[in-house]
Amino acid sequence: MTEGVTLYISGLSFNVNESHLREIFGHIGKVAETKIARNKFGQSLGWGLVTYGDITDPAEPISFMNNGQIDGCRVVVRVADPEKDKIE
């Protein structure tokens, strides 16, 4: 099975959760997983990851949301770096 692309989304409002990301990015394709980076107290760090199950070309989802707004905040969307963009 081909693994889909994972996107890094920064600039997220601290109110945005995984379900919110799934709903927004799900308009482009099937979202396999969403994660929000959190500190040890469970508070959002303002960035997250969206992994698609059926999209391997990141151009469409990046153009769809890069410099767009989520919950009133401008977000930056790029392809995630598997070495440094990790959420435990």
PDB file of N, CA and C in Angstrom:
ATOM      1  N   MET A   1       0.836  -1.178   0.000  1.00  0.00           N
ATOM      2  CA  MET A   1       0.000   0.000   0.000  1.00  0.00           C
ATOM      3  C   MET A   1       0.882   1.243   0.000  1.00  0.00           C
ATOM      4  N   THR A   2       0.545   2.216  -0.843  1.00  0.00           N
ATOM      5  CA  THR A   2       1.299   3.456  -0.920  1.00  0.00           C
ATOM      6  C   THR A   2       0.898   4.367   0.235  1.00  0.00           C
ATOM      7  N   GLU A   3       1.889   4.881   0.931  1.00  0.00           N
ATOM      8  CA  GLU A   3       1.615   5.803   2.023  1.00  0.00           C
ATOM      9  C   GLU A   3       1.418   7.189   1.449  1.00  0.00           C
ATOM     10  N   GLY A   4       0.415   7.898   1.930  1.00  0.00           N
ATOM     11  CA  GLY A   4       0.132   9.239   1.448  1.00  0.00           C
ATOM     12  C   GLY A   4       1.091  10.262   2.018  1.00  0.00           C
ATOM     13  N   VAL A   5       0.924  11.476   1.557  1.00  0.00           N
ATOM     14  CA  VAL A   5       1.781  12.580   1.964  1.00  0.00           C
ATOM     15  C   VAL A   5       1.386  13.067   3.362  1.00  0.00           C
ATOM     16  N   THR A   6       2.398  13.514   4.122  1.00  0.00           N
ATOM     17  CA  THR A   6       2.155  14.132   5.425  1.00  0.00           C
ATOM     18  C   THR A   6       2.505  15.604   5.324  1.00  0.00           C
ATOM     19  N   LEU A   7       1.587  16.447   5.785  1.00  0.00           N
ATOM     20  CA  LEU A   7       1.772  17.891   5.760  1.00  0.00           C
ATOM     21  C   LEU A   7       2.014  18.423   7.166  1.00  0.00           C
ATOM     22  N   TYR A   8       2.844  19.458   7.237  1.00  0.00           N
ATOM     23  CA  TYR A   8       3.125  20.182   8.481  1.00  0.00           C
ATOM     24  C   TYR A   8       2.330  21.478   8.409  1.00  0.00           C
ATOM     25  N   ILE A   9       1.525  21.752   9.411  1.00  0.00           N
ATOM     26  CA  ILE A   9       0.713  22.965   9.444  1.00  0.00           C
ATOM     27  C   ILE A   9       1.125  23.770  10.665  1.00  0.00           C
ATOM     28  N   SER A  10       1.607  24.992  10.441  1.00  0.00           N
ATOM     29  CA  SER A  10       2.017  25.851  11.557  1.00  0.00           C
ATOM     30  C   SER A  10       1.121  27.084  11.611  1.00  0.00           C
ATOM     31  N   GLY A  11       1.141  27.750  12.749  1.00  0.00           N
ATOM     32  CA  GLY A  11       0.333  28.944  12.948  1.00  0.00           C
ATOM     33  C   GLY A  11      -1.074  28.642  13.426  1.00  0.00           C
ATOM     34  N   LEU A  12      -1.289  27.424  13.918  1.00  0.00           N
ATOM     35  CA  LEU A  12      -2.628  27.030  14.360  1.00  0.00           C
ATOM     36  C   LEU A  12      -3.029  27.737  15.650  1.00  0.00           C
ATOM     37  N   SER A  13      -4.289  28.096  15.726  1.00  0.00           N
ATOM     38  CA  SER A  13      -4.866  28.596  16.968  1.00  0.00           C
ATOM     39  C   SER A  13      -4.759  27.495  18.020  1.00  0.00           C
ATOM     40  N   PHE A  14      -4.612  27.877  19.263  1.00  0.00           N
ATOM     41  CA  PHE A  14      -4.525  26.894  20.334  1.00  0.00           C
ATOM     42  C   PHE A  14      -5.857  26.171  20.554  1.00  0.00           C
ATOM     43  N   ASN A  15      -6.923  26.664  19.927  1.00  0.00           N
ATOM     44  CA  ASN A  15      -8.245  26.034  20.040  1.00  0.00           C
ATOM     45  C   ASN A  15      -8.470  24.926  19.018  1.00  0.00           C
ATOM     46  N   VAL A  16      -7.633  24.857  17.983  1.00  0.00           N
ATOM     47  CA  VAL A  16      -7.818  23.860  16.925  1.00  0.00           C
ATOM     48  C   VAL A  16      -7.422  22.484  17.448  1.00  0.00           C
ATOM     49  N   ASN A  17      -8.253  21.483  17.156  1.00  0.00           N
ATOM     50  CA  ASN A  17      -7.947  20.116  17.574  1.00  0.00           C
ATOM     51  C   ASN A  17      -7.839  19.201  16.355  1.00  0.00           C
ATOM     52  N   GLU A  18      -7.574  17.937  16.605  1.00  0.00           N
ATOM     53  CA  GLU A  18      -7.379  16.970  15.528  1.00  0.00           C
ATOM     54  C   GLU A  18      -8.618  16.828  14.645  1.00  0.00           C
ATOM     55  N   SER A  19      -9.788  16.838  15.246  1.00  0.00           N
ATOM     56  CA  SER A  19     -11.032  16.710  14.475  1.00  0.00           C
ATOM     57  C   SER A  19     -11.226  17.887  13.528  1.00  0.00           C
ATOM     58  N   HIS A  20     -10.875  19.062  14.002  1.00  0.00           N
ATOM     59  CA  HIS A  20     -10.980  20.271  13.182  1.00  0.00           C
ATOM     60  C   HIS A  20     -10.070  20.158  11.957  1.00  0.00           C
ATOM     61  N   LEU A  21      -8.826  19.721  12.161  1.00  0.00           N
ATOM     62  CA  LEU A  21      -7.906  19.542  11.030  1.00  0.00           C
ATOM     63  C   LEU A  21      -8.438  18.497  10.056  1.00  0.00           C
ATOM     64  N   ARG A  22      -8.956  17.405  10.578  1.00  0.00           N
ATOM     65  CA  ARG A  22      -9.493  16.335   9.722  1.00  0.00           C
ATOM     66  C   ARG A  22     -10.644  16.869   8.862  1.00  0.00           C
ATOM     67  N   GLU A  23     -11.509  17.659   9.462  1.00  0.00           N
ATOM     68  CA  GLU A  23     -12.650  18.214   8.729  1.00  0.00           C
ATOM     69  C   GLU A  23     -12.187  19.150   7.610  1.00  0.00           C
ATOM     70  N   ILE A  24     -11.267  20.037   7.908  1.00  0.00           N
ATOM     71  CA  ILE A  24     -10.801  21.018   6.922  1.00  0.00           C
ATOM     72  C   ILE A  24     -10.024  20.348   5.798  1.00  0.00           C
ATOM     73  N   PHE A  25      -9.033  19.544   6.141  1.00  0.00           N
ATOM     74  CA  PHE A  25      -8.183  18.940   5.115  1.00  0.00           C
ATOM     75  C   PHE A  25      -8.869  17.758   4.426  1.00  0.00           C
ATOM     76  N   GLY A  26      -9.948  17.266   4.997  1.00  0.00           N
ATOM     77  CA  GLY A  26     -10.714  16.191   4.389  1.00  0.00           C
ATOM     78  C   GLY A  26     -11.453  16.608   3.133  1.00  0.00           C
ATOM     79  N   HIS A  27     -11.553  17.907   2.887  1.00  0.00           N
ATOM     80  CA  HIS A  27     -12.186  18.386   1.652  1.00  0.00           C
ATOM     81  C   HIS A  27     -11.340  18.060   0.428  1.00  0.00           C
ATOM     82  N   ILE A  28     -10.064  17.786   0.619  1.00  0.00           N
ATOM     83  CA  ILE A  28      -9.146  17.496  -0.491  1.00  0.00           C
ATOM     84  C   ILE A  28      -9.023  16.000  -0.744  1.00  0.00           C
ATOM     85  N   GLY A  29      -9.012  15.208   0.300  1.00  0.00           N
ATOM     86  CA  GLY A  29      -8.837  13.761   0.148  1.00  0.00           C
ATOM     87  C   GLY A  29      -9.047  13.064   1.475  1.00  0.00           C
ATOM     88  N   LYS A  30      -8.860  11.767   1.466  1.00  0.00           N
ATOM     89  CA  LYS A  30      -9.075  10.965   2.672  1.00  0.00           C
ATOM     90  C   LYS A  30      -7.920  11.163   3.653  1.00  0.00           C
ATOM     91  N   VAL A  31      -8.233  11.714   4.806  1.00  0.00           N
ATOM     92  CA  VAL A  31      -7.232  11.953   5.845  1.00  0.00           C
ATOM     93  C   VAL A  31      -7.083  10.680   6.671  1.00  0.00           C
ATOM     94  N   ALA A  32      -5.859  10.159   6.712  1.00  0.00           N
ATOM     95  CA  ALA A  32      -5.582   8.942   7.478  1.00  0.00           C
ATOM     96  C   ALA A  32      -5.319   9.252   8.947  1.00  0.00           C
ATOM     97  N   GLU A  33      -4.668  10.405   9.206  1.00  0.00           N
ATOM     98  CA  GLU A  33      -4.298  10.728  10.587  1.00  0.00           C
ATOM     99  C   GLU A  33      -4.074  12.225  10.732  1.00  0.00           C
ATOM    100  N   THR A  34      -4.457  12.751  11.889  1.00  0.00           N
ATOM    101  CA  THR A  34      -4.136  14.133  12.253  1.00  0.00           C
ATOM    102  C   THR A  34      -3.534  14.112  13.651  1.00  0.00           C
ATOM    103  N   LYS A  35      -2.571  14.992  13.866  1.00  0.00           N
ATOM    104  CA  LYS A  35      -1.945  15.116  15.186  1.00  0.00           C
ATOM    105  C   LYS A  35      -1.667  16.588  15.448  1.00  0.00           C
ATOM    106  N   ILE A  36      -1.877  17.001  16.680  1.00  0.00           N
ATOM    107  CA  ILE A  36      -1.525  18.342  17.136  1.00  0.00           C
ATOM    108  C   ILE A  36      -0.372  18.186  18.121  1.00  0.00           C
ATOM    109  N   ALA A  37       0.687  18.965  17.928  1.00  0.00           N
ATOM    110  CA  ALA A  37       1.808  18.941  18.875  1.00  0.00           C
ATOM    111  C   ALA A  37       1.351  19.588  20.185  1.00  0.00           C
ATOM    112  N   ARG A  38       1.658  18.932  21.284  1.00  0.00           N
ATOM    113  CA  ARG A  38       1.236  19.427  22.596  1.00  0.00           C
ATOM    114  C   ARG A  38       2.400  19.371  23.590  1.00  0.00           C
ATOM    115  N   ASN A  39       2.351  20.268  24.569  1.00  0.00           N
ATOM    116  CA  ASN A  39       3.363  20.242  25.621  1.00  0.00           C
ATOM    117  C   ASN A  39       2.991  19.182  26.658  1.00  0.00           C
ATOM    118  N   LYS A  40       3.789  19.071  27.698  1.00  0.00           N
ATOM    119  CA  LYS A  40       3.561  18.019  28.695  1.00  0.00           C
ATOM    120  C   LYS A  40       2.268  18.215  29.486  1.00  0.00           C
ATOM    121  N   PHE A  41       1.660  19.397  29.372  1.00  0.00           N
ATOM    122  CA  PHE A  41       0.396  19.672  30.052  1.00  0.00           C
ATOM    123  C   PHE A  41      -0.804  19.468  29.131  1.00  0.00           C
ATOM    124  N   GLY A  42      -0.530  19.049  27.882  1.00  0.00           N
ATOM    125  CA  GLY A  42      -1.604  18.806  26.923  1.00  0.00           C
ATOM    126  C   GLY A  42      -2.046  20.023  26.145  1.00  0.00           C
ATOM    127  N   GLN A  43      -1.326  21.134  26.300  1.00  0.00           N
ATOM    128  CA  GLN A  43      -1.682  22.360  25.592  1.00  0.00           C
ATOM    129  C   GLN A  43      -1.047  22.367  24.205  1.00  0.00           C
ATOM    130  N   SER A  44      -1.796  22.869  23.230  1.00  0.00           N
ATOM    131  CA  SER A  44      -1.313  22.925  21.855  1.00  0.00           C
ATOM    132  C   SER A  44      -0.070  23.799  21.746  1.00  0.00           C
ATOM    133  N   LEU A  45       0.841  23.375  20.869  1.00  0.00           N
ATOM    134  CA  LEU A  45       2.034  24.164  20.563  1.00  0.00           C
ATOM    135  C   LEU A  45       1.843  24.980  19.286  1.00  0.00           C
ATOM    136  N   GLY A  46       0.654  24.906  18.679  1.00  0.00           N
ATOM    137  CA  GLY A  46       0.345  25.731  17.510  1.00  0.00           C
ATOM    138  C   GLY A  46       0.745  25.132  16.172  1.00  0.00           C
ATOM    139  N   TRP A  47       1.077  23.847  16.157  1.00  0.00           N
ATOM    140  CA  TRP A  47       1.373  23.190  14.882  1.00  0.00           C
ATOM    141  C   TRP A  47       0.897  21.745  14.930  1.00  0.00           C
ATOM    142  N   GLY A  48       0.724  21.187  13.740  1.00  0.00           N
ATOM    143  CA  GLY A  48       0.244  19.817  13.674  1.00  0.00           C
ATOM    144  C   GLY A  48       0.599  19.150  12.362  1.00  0.00           C
ATOM    145  N   LEU A  49       0.220  17.895  12.253  1.00  0.00           N
ATOM    146  CA  LEU A  49       0.488  17.084  11.066  1.00  0.00           C
ATOM    147  C   LEU A  49      -0.819  16.499  10.547  1.00  0.00           C
ATOM    148  N   VAL A  50      -0.942  16.474   9.227  1.00  0.00           N
ATOM    149  CA  VAL A  50      -2.071  15.825   8.564  1.00  0.00           C
ATOM    150  C   VAL A  50      -1.487  14.829   7.578  1.00  0.00           C
ATOM    151  N   THR A  51      -1.877  13.569   7.693  1.00  0.00           N
ATOM    152  CA  THR A  51      -1.419  12.531   6.770  1.00  0.00           C
ATOM    153  C   THR A  51      -2.602  12.058   5.944  1.00  0.00           C
ATOM    154  N   TYR A  52      -2.412  12.094   4.635  1.00  0.00           N
ATOM    155  CA  TYR A  52      -3.443  11.606   3.715  1.00  0.00           C
ATOM    156  C   TYR A  52      -3.213  10.137   3.424  1.00  0.00           C
ATOM    157  N   GLY A  53      -4.286   9.403   3.260  1.00  0.00           N
ATOM    158  CA  GLY A  53      -4.186   8.000   2.900  1.00  0.00           C
ATOM    159  C   GLY A  53      -4.198   7.775   1.407  1.00  0.00           C
ATOM    160  N   ASP A  54      -4.700   8.766   0.654  1.00  0.00           N
ATOM    161  CA  ASP A  54      -4.882   8.567  -0.780  1.00  0.00           C
ATOM    162  C   ASP A  54      -4.233   9.638  -1.652  1.00  0.00           C
ATOM    163  N   ILE A  55      -3.491  10.548  -1.070  1.00  0.00           N
ATOM    164  CA  ILE A  55      -2.838  11.612  -1.840  1.00  0.00           C
ATOM    165  C   ILE A  55      -1.333  11.475  -1.662  1.00  0.00           C
ATOM    166  N   THR A  56      -0.615  11.371  -2.776  1.00  0.00           N
ATOM    167  CA  THR A  56       0.845  11.293  -2.708  1.00  0.00           C
ATOM    168  C   THR A  56       1.498  12.554  -3.261  1.00  0.00           C
ATOM    169  N   ASP A  57       0.732  13.396  -3.962  1.00  0.00           N
ATOM    170  CA  ASP A  57       1.245  14.661  -4.496  1.00  0.00           C
ATOM    171  C   ASP A  57       0.748  15.780  -3.585  1.00  0.00           C
ATOM    172  N   PRO A  58       1.653  16.482  -2.912  1.00  0.00           N
ATOM    173  CA  PRO A  58       1.230  17.484  -1.937  1.00  0.00           C
ATOM    174  C   PRO A  58       0.746  18.800  -2.535  1.00  0.00           C
ATOM    175  N   ALA A  59       0.867  18.994  -3.839  1.00  0.00           N
ATOM    176  CA  ALA A  59       0.563  20.295  -4.448  1.00  0.00           C
ATOM    177  C   ALA A  59      -0.861  20.770  -4.159  1.00  0.00           C
ATOM    178  N   GLU A  60      -1.840  19.908  -4.325  1.00  0.00           N
ATOM    179  CA  GLU A  60      -3.233  20.342  -4.147  1.00  0.00           C
ATOM    180  C   GLU A  60      -3.555  20.733  -2.709  1.00  0.00           C
ATOM    181  N   PRO A  61      -3.262  19.891  -1.717  1.00  0.00           N
ATOM    182  CA  PRO A  61      -3.590  20.324  -0.353  1.00  0.00           C
ATOM    183  C   PRO A  61      -2.776  21.529   0.113  1.00  0.00           C
ATOM    184  N   ILE A  62      -1.544  21.660  -0.358  1.00  0.00           N
ATOM    185  CA  ILE A  62      -0.749  22.832   0.029  1.00  0.00           C
ATOM    186  C   ILE A  62      -1.358  24.085  -0.577  1.00  0.00           C
ATOM    187  N   SER A  63      -1.691  24.055  -1.867  1.00  0.00           N
ATOM    188  CA  SER A  63      -2.272  25.248  -2.498  1.00  0.00           C
ATOM    189  C   SER A  63      -3.652  25.557  -1.916  1.00  0.00           C
ATOM    190  N   PHE A  64      -4.360  24.530  -1.450  1.00  0.00           N
ATOM    191  CA  PHE A  64      -5.685  24.708  -0.857  1.00  0.00           C
ATOM    192  C   PHE A  64      -5.623  25.512   0.442  1.00  0.00           C
ATOM    193  N   MET A  65      -4.638  25.257   1.300  1.00  0.00           N
ATOM    194  CA  MET A  65      -4.632  25.868   2.630  1.00  0.00           C
ATOM    195  C   MET A  65      -3.427  26.736   2.972  1.00  0.00           C
ATOM    196  N   ASN A  66      -2.334  26.693   2.223  1.00  0.00           N
ATOM    197  CA  ASN A  66      -1.166  27.497   2.580  1.00  0.00           C
ATOM    198  C   ASN A  66      -1.533  28.977   2.556  1.00  0.00           C
ATOM    199  N   ASN A  67      -1.202  29.682   3.613  1.00  0.00           N
ATOM    200  CA  ASN A  67      -1.536  31.091   3.823  1.00  0.00           C
ATOM    201  C   ASN A  67      -3.033  31.321   3.963  1.00  0.00           C
ATOM    202  N   GLY A  68      -3.782  30.260   4.185  1.00  0.00           N
ATOM    203  CA  GLY A  68      -5.209  30.379   4.459  1.00  0.00           C
ATOM    204  C   GLY A  68      -5.435  30.591   5.946  1.00  0.00           C
ATOM    205  N   GLN A  69      -6.691  30.600   6.337  1.00  0.00           N
ATOM    206  CA  GLN A  69      -7.015  30.814   7.744  1.00  0.00           C
ATOM    207  C   GLN A  69      -7.760  29.625   8.329  1.00  0.00           C
ATOM    208  N   ILE A  70      -7.372  29.288   9.535  1.00  0.00           N
ATOM    209  CA  ILE A  70      -8.085  28.292  10.331  1.00  0.00           C
ATOM    210  C   ILE A  70      -8.337  28.927  11.692  1.00  0.00           C
ATOM    211  N   ASP A  71      -9.586  29.012  12.075  1.00  0.00           N
ATOM    212  CA  ASP A  71      -9.972  29.589  13.364  1.00  0.00           C
ATOM    213  C   ASP A  71      -9.399  30.994  13.549  1.00  0.00           C
ATOM    214  N   GLY A  72      -9.376  31.779  12.462  1.00  0.00           N
ATOM    215  CA  GLY A  72      -8.923  33.159  12.519  1.00  0.00           C
ATOM    216  C   GLY A  72      -7.421  33.361  12.468  1.00  0.00           C
ATOM    217  N   CYS A  73      -6.651  32.300  12.337  1.00  0.00           N
ATOM    218  CA  CYS A  73      -5.187  32.404  12.282  1.00  0.00           C
ATOM    219  C   CYS A  73      -4.678  31.994  10.903  1.00  0.00           C
ATOM    220  N   ARG A  74      -3.705  32.766  10.387  1.00  0.00           N
ATOM    221  CA  ARG A  74      -3.098  32.417   9.102  1.00  0.00           C
ATOM    222  C   ARG A  74      -2.154  31.247   9.323  1.00  0.00           C
ATOM    223  N   VAL A  75      -2.301  30.232   8.491  1.00  0.00           N
ATOM    224  CA  VAL A  75      -1.483  29.033   8.635  1.00  0.00           C
ATOM    225  C   VAL A  75      -0.538  28.872   7.452  1.00  0.00           C
ATOM    226  N   VAL A  76       0.571  28.213   7.716  1.00  0.00           N
ATOM    227  CA  VAL A  76       1.543  27.858   6.687  1.00  0.00           C
ATOM    228  C   VAL A  76       1.525  26.340   6.575  1.00  0.00           C
ATOM    229  N   VAL A  77       1.430  25.860   5.339  1.00  0.00           N
ATOM    230  CA  VAL A  77       1.356  24.420   5.088  1.00  0.00           C
ATOM    231  C   VAL A  77       2.506  24.027   4.178  1.00  0.00           C
ATOM    232  N   ARG A  78       3.234  22.995   4.569  1.00  0.00           N
ATOM    233  CA  ARG A  78       4.333  22.474   3.753  1.00  0.00           C
ATOM    234  C   ARG A  78       4.418  20.972   3.960  1.00  0.00           C
ATOM    235  N   VAL A  79       5.216  20.328   3.131  1.00  0.00           N
ATOM    236  CA  VAL A  79       5.445  18.893   3.311  1.00  0.00           C
ATOM    237  C   VAL A  79       6.233  18.702   4.605  1.00  0.00           C
ATOM    238  N   ALA A  80       5.805  17.770   5.413  1.00  0.00           N
ATOM    239  CA  ALA A  80       6.485  17.489   6.681  1.00  0.00           C
ATOM    240  C   ALA A  80       7.830  16.823   6.432  1.00  0.00           C
ATOM    241  N   ASP A  81       8.800  17.186   7.256  1.00  0.00           N
ATOM    242  CA  ASP A  81      10.111  16.546   7.241  1.00  0.00           C
ATOM    243  C   ASP A  81      10.051  15.387   8.238  1.00  0.00           C
ATOM    244  N   PRO A  82      10.145  14.146   7.761  1.00  0.00           N
ATOM    245  CA  PRO A  82       9.989  13.004   8.676  1.00  0.00           C
ATOM    246  C   PRO A  82      11.045  12.934   9.771  1.00  0.00           C
ATOM    247  N   GLU A  83      12.170  13.602   9.585  1.00  0.00           N
ATOM    248  CA  GLU A  83      13.228  13.576  10.602  1.00  0.00           C
ATOM    249  C   GLU A  83      12.994  14.575  11.724  1.00  0.00           C
ATOM    250  N   LYS A  84      12.431  15.752  11.411  1.00  0.00           N
ATOM    251  CA  LYS A  84      12.305  16.766  12.457  1.00  0.00           C
ATOM    252  C   LYS A  84      10.868  17.111  12.835  1.00  0.00           C
ATOM    253  N   ASP A  85       9.903  16.803  11.989  1.00  0.00           N
ATOM    254  CA  ASP A  85       8.506  17.119  12.284  1.00  0.00           C
ATOM    255  C   ASP A  85       7.812  15.882  12.838  1.00  0.00           C
ATOM    256  N   LYS A  86       8.144  15.555  14.077  1.00  0.00           N
ATOM    257  CA  LYS A  86       7.594  14.359  14.720  1.00  0.00           C
ATOM    258  C   LYS A  86       6.788  14.758  15.944  1.00  0.00           C
ATOM    259  N   ILE A  87       5.707  14.036  16.152  1.00  0.00           N
ATOM    260  CA  ILE A  87       4.901  14.224  17.352  1.00  0.00           C
ATOM    261  C   ILE A  87       4.843  12.881  18.058  1.00  0.00           C
ATOM    262  N   GLU A  88       5.344  12.853  19.255  1.00  0.00           N
ATOM    263  CA  GLU A  88       5.367  11.592  20.027  1.00  0.00           C
ATOM    264  C   GLU A  88       4.013  11.308  20.625  1.00  0.00           C
TER     265      GLU A  88
END
